[in-house]
């Protein structure tokens, strides 16, 4: 598959083939860059012999910069839907704010990878569940220093045995 990532004059290309001639043993077709205008597509149809005698076509191949798009496309896709998809892809490529609207997880390319990311990279298991940041502002209320707990919340240990100079436990009990 050809790498189109550096040539973004199109979203992807398709090889449109004349089905009638293909069934007779001839591969007659043309690479078409999408998006395309209807007028340009009619010219392609003329060049590959789509007419009253040969009115059917099919897509023999795709050249896509994204393998995931390639895997979803078939040989009898609607050219209008492909054209619309290509137009939307080109709009995304031109959008300066697109990356501000999404979170891109580099290297996450499967359900397993996404699960791994959520479990290992974004949170931690505890005895009572799973904790991860939700992006909200965290306010540090307690810094771990017991002296910083307000007095109204402090609990003292019971004073069962208080040491005093020169007195024994029996003296204290009296």
Protein backbone atom coordinates (compact mmCIF):
# COMPACT_ATOMS: atom_id res chain seq x y z
CA UNK A 1 0.00 0.00 0.00
CA UNK A 2 1.36 3.42 -1.00
CA UNK A 3 2.05 5.97 1.78
CA UNK A 4 -0.09 9.06 1.15
CA UNK A 5 0.58 10.72 4.48
CA UNK A 6 2.91 13.29 2.95
CA UNK A 7 0.71 14.07 -0.06
CA UNK A 8 -2.50 15.35 1.43
CA UNK A 9 -4.11 16.60 -1.76
CA UNK A 10 -6.63 13.81 -1.18
CA UNK A 11 -7.99 11.75 1.70
CA UNK A 12 -7.45 8.45 -0.14
CA UNK A 13 -7.37 6.98 -3.64
CA UNK A 14 -9.41 4.18 -5.21
CA UNK A 15 -8.85 2.15 -8.32
CA UNK A 16 -12.20 2.18 -10.17
CA UNK A 17 -12.50 -0.77 -12.57
CA UNK A 18 -14.85 -1.47 -15.49
CA UNK A 19 -16.63 -4.67 -14.33
CA UNK A 20 -17.80 -5.76 -17.80
CA UNK A 21 -14.31 -5.56 -19.29
CA UNK A 22 -12.85 -7.19 -16.18
CA UNK A 23 -15.19 -10.17 -16.65
CA UNK A 24 -13.89 -10.47 -20.24
CA UNK A 25 -10.30 -10.61 -18.99
CA UNK A 26 -9.28 -6.97 -19.34
CA UNK A 27 -8.26 -4.79 -16.43
CA UNK A 28 -9.48 -1.34 -17.43
CA UNK A 29 -9.57 1.19 -14.67
CA UNK A 30 -8.07 4.31 -13.17
CA UNK A 31 -6.81 5.62 -9.85
CA UNK A 32 -9.14 8.29 -8.52
CA UNK A 33 -8.31 10.76 -5.75
CA UNK A 34 -11.12 11.48 -3.31
CA UNK A 35 -12.80 13.87 -2.77
CA UNK A 36 -13.71 14.41 -6.40
CA UNK A 37 -16.40 16.42 -8.19
CA UNK A 38 -19.23 14.69 -10.04
CA UNK A 39 -17.98 16.18 -13.30
CA UNK A 40 -14.48 14.77 -12.74
CA UNK A 41 -15.94 11.33 -11.92
CA UNK A 42 -18.02 11.37 -15.13
CA UNK A 43 -14.78 11.96 -17.08
CA UNK A 44 -13.19 8.97 -15.32
CA UNK A 45 -16.19 6.82 -16.27
CA UNK A 46 -15.76 7.88 -19.93
CA UNK A 47 -12.02 7.10 -19.88
CA UNK A 48 -12.55 3.58 -18.50
CA UNK A 49 -15.47 2.79 -20.81
CA UNK A 50 -18.44 2.96 -18.46
CA UNK A 51 -21.33 3.51 -20.91
CA UNK A 52 -24.52 1.81 -22.11
CA UNK A 53 -22.65 -1.37 -23.00
CA UNK A 54 -20.50 -1.47 -19.84
CA UNK A 55 -22.43 0.28 -17.09
CA UNK A 56 -21.06 -1.49 -13.99
CA UNK A 57 -17.90 -0.70 -12.12
CA UNK A 58 -16.22 -1.89 -8.93
CA UNK A 59 -13.30 -0.82 -6.77
CA UNK A 60 -10.23 -2.99 -7.18
CA UNK A 61 -7.99 -1.32 -4.61
CA UNK A 62 -7.56 1.55 -2.18
CA UNK A 63 -4.55 3.61 -1.21
CA UNK A 64 -5.15 5.04 2.26
CA UNK A 65 -2.80 6.71 4.72
CA UNK A 66 -4.76 5.06 7.53
CA UNK A 67 -4.82 1.26 7.53
CA UNK A 68 -7.97 1.23 9.67
CA UNK A 69 -9.92 3.07 6.96
CA UNK A 70 -8.47 0.73 4.33
CA UNK A 71 -9.69 -2.32 6.26
CA UNK A 72 -13.27 -1.00 6.37
CA UNK A 73 -13.68 -0.29 2.66
CA UNK A 74 -14.96 -2.81 0.12
CA UNK A 75 -15.20 -3.24 -3.62
CA UNK A 76 -18.80 -2.09 -4.04
CA UNK A 77 -18.84 1.02 -1.83
CA UNK A 78 -21.04 3.95 -2.80
CA UNK A 79 -18.91 6.54 -4.58
CA UNK A 80 -21.06 9.29 -3.04
CA UNK A 81 -20.43 7.95 0.47
CA UNK A 82 -16.72 7.59 -0.25
CA UNK A 83 -16.64 11.14 -1.56
CA UNK A 84 -18.44 12.46 1.52
CA UNK A 85 -16.10 10.52 3.82
CA UNK A 86 -13.09 11.91 1.97
CA UNK A 87 -14.45 15.45 2.26
CA UNK A 88 -14.90 15.06 6.01
CA UNK A 89 -11.39 13.61 6.40
CA UNK A 90 -9.96 16.58 4.51
CA UNK A 91 -11.91 18.96 6.77
CA UNK A 92 -10.41 17.25 9.82
CA UNK A 93 -6.93 17.59 8.40
CA UNK A 94 -7.47 21.32 7.86
CA UNK A 95 -9.04 21.89 11.26
CA UNK A 96 -6.61 23.70 13.53
CA UNK A 97 -8.74 23.01 16.60
CA UNK A 98 -9.29 19.30 16.04
CA UNK A 99 -6.61 18.14 18.48
CA UNK A 100 -8.05 20.47 21.12
CA UNK A 101 -11.33 18.53 20.94
CA UNK A 102 -9.97 15.04 21.44
CA UNK A 103 -7.54 13.07 23.59
CA UNK A 104 -5.06 11.21 21.43
CA UNK A 105 -3.58 8.10 23.03
CA UNK A 106 -0.38 7.42 21.12
CA UNK A 107 0.33 3.73 20.69
CA UNK A 108 -3.19 2.59 21.65
CA UNK A 109 -4.31 0.64 18.59
CA UNK A 110 -6.54 -2.12 19.96
CA UNK A 111 -9.16 -2.85 22.59
CA UNK A 112 -6.49 -4.63 24.61
CA UNK A 113 -4.20 -1.60 24.36
CA UNK A 114 -6.98 0.72 25.45
CA UNK A 115 -7.81 -1.51 28.41
CA UNK A 116 -4.15 -1.64 29.35
CA UNK A 117 -3.92 2.14 29.15
CA UNK A 118 -6.93 2.71 31.39
CA UNK A 119 -5.81 0.16 33.94
CA UNK A 120 -2.05 0.61 34.04
CA UNK A 121 -1.46 4.17 32.92
CA UNK A 122 -4.33 6.24 34.20
CA UNK A 123 -5.20 4.90 37.62
CA UNK A 124 -4.59 2.43 40.38
CA UNK A 125 -6.43 -0.47 41.97
CA UNK A 126 -7.27 -0.11 45.66
CA UNK A 127 -8.86 -2.53 48.12
CA UNK A 128 -12.27 -1.00 47.42
CA UNK A 129 -12.08 -0.28 43.70
CA UNK A 130 -10.23 1.48 40.90
CA UNK A 131 -9.21 5.13 41.18
CA UNK A 132 -8.23 7.40 38.32
CA UNK A 133 -8.12 11.13 37.84
CA UNK A 134 -11.22 12.55 36.17
CA UNK A 135 -9.41 15.75 35.24
CA UNK A 136 -11.04 17.78 37.99
CA UNK A 137 -9.05 20.16 40.16
CA UNK A 138 -7.57 18.41 43.18
CA UNK A 139 -7.34 20.39 46.39
CA UNK A 140 -4.84 19.11 48.93
CA UNK A 141 -6.75 19.35 52.22
CA UNK A 142 -4.53 17.17 54.39
CA UNK A 143 -0.80 16.99 53.90
CA UNK A 144 -0.18 14.00 56.15
CA UNK A 145 1.14 16.04 59.07
CA UNK A 146 -0.99 15.31 62.14
CA UNK A 147 -0.15 18.72 63.64
CA UNK A 148 -2.07 20.37 60.80
CA UNK A 149 -5.39 18.75 61.74
CA UNK A 150 -7.69 21.37 63.31
CA UNK A 151 -8.14 20.94 67.08
CA UNK A 152 -11.86 20.25 66.81
CA UNK A 153 -11.03 17.11 64.84
CA UNK A 154 -8.16 15.80 66.95
CA UNK A 155 -8.74 12.66 69.04
CA UNK A 156 -6.35 12.00 71.88
CA UNK A 157 -5.37 8.60 73.12
CA UNK A 158 -6.72 7.71 76.55
CA UNK A 159 -4.29 8.54 79.38
CA UNK A 160 -4.28 5.19 81.15
CA UNK A 161 -0.87 5.39 82.70
CA UNK A 162 0.65 8.79 83.22
CA UNK A 163 4.21 8.91 84.38
CA UNK A 164 4.95 11.42 87.08
CA UNK A 165 8.16 11.98 88.98
CA UNK A 166 8.53 9.83 92.10
CA UNK A 167 5.09 8.24 91.94
CA UNK A 168 4.25 4.65 91.19
CA UNK A 169 1.18 3.34 89.47
CA UNK A 170 -0.36 2.47 92.85
CA UNK A 171 0.15 6.04 94.07
CA UNK A 172 -1.56 7.37 90.97
CA UNK A 173 -4.54 5.03 91.35
CA UNK A 174 -5.22 6.31 94.91
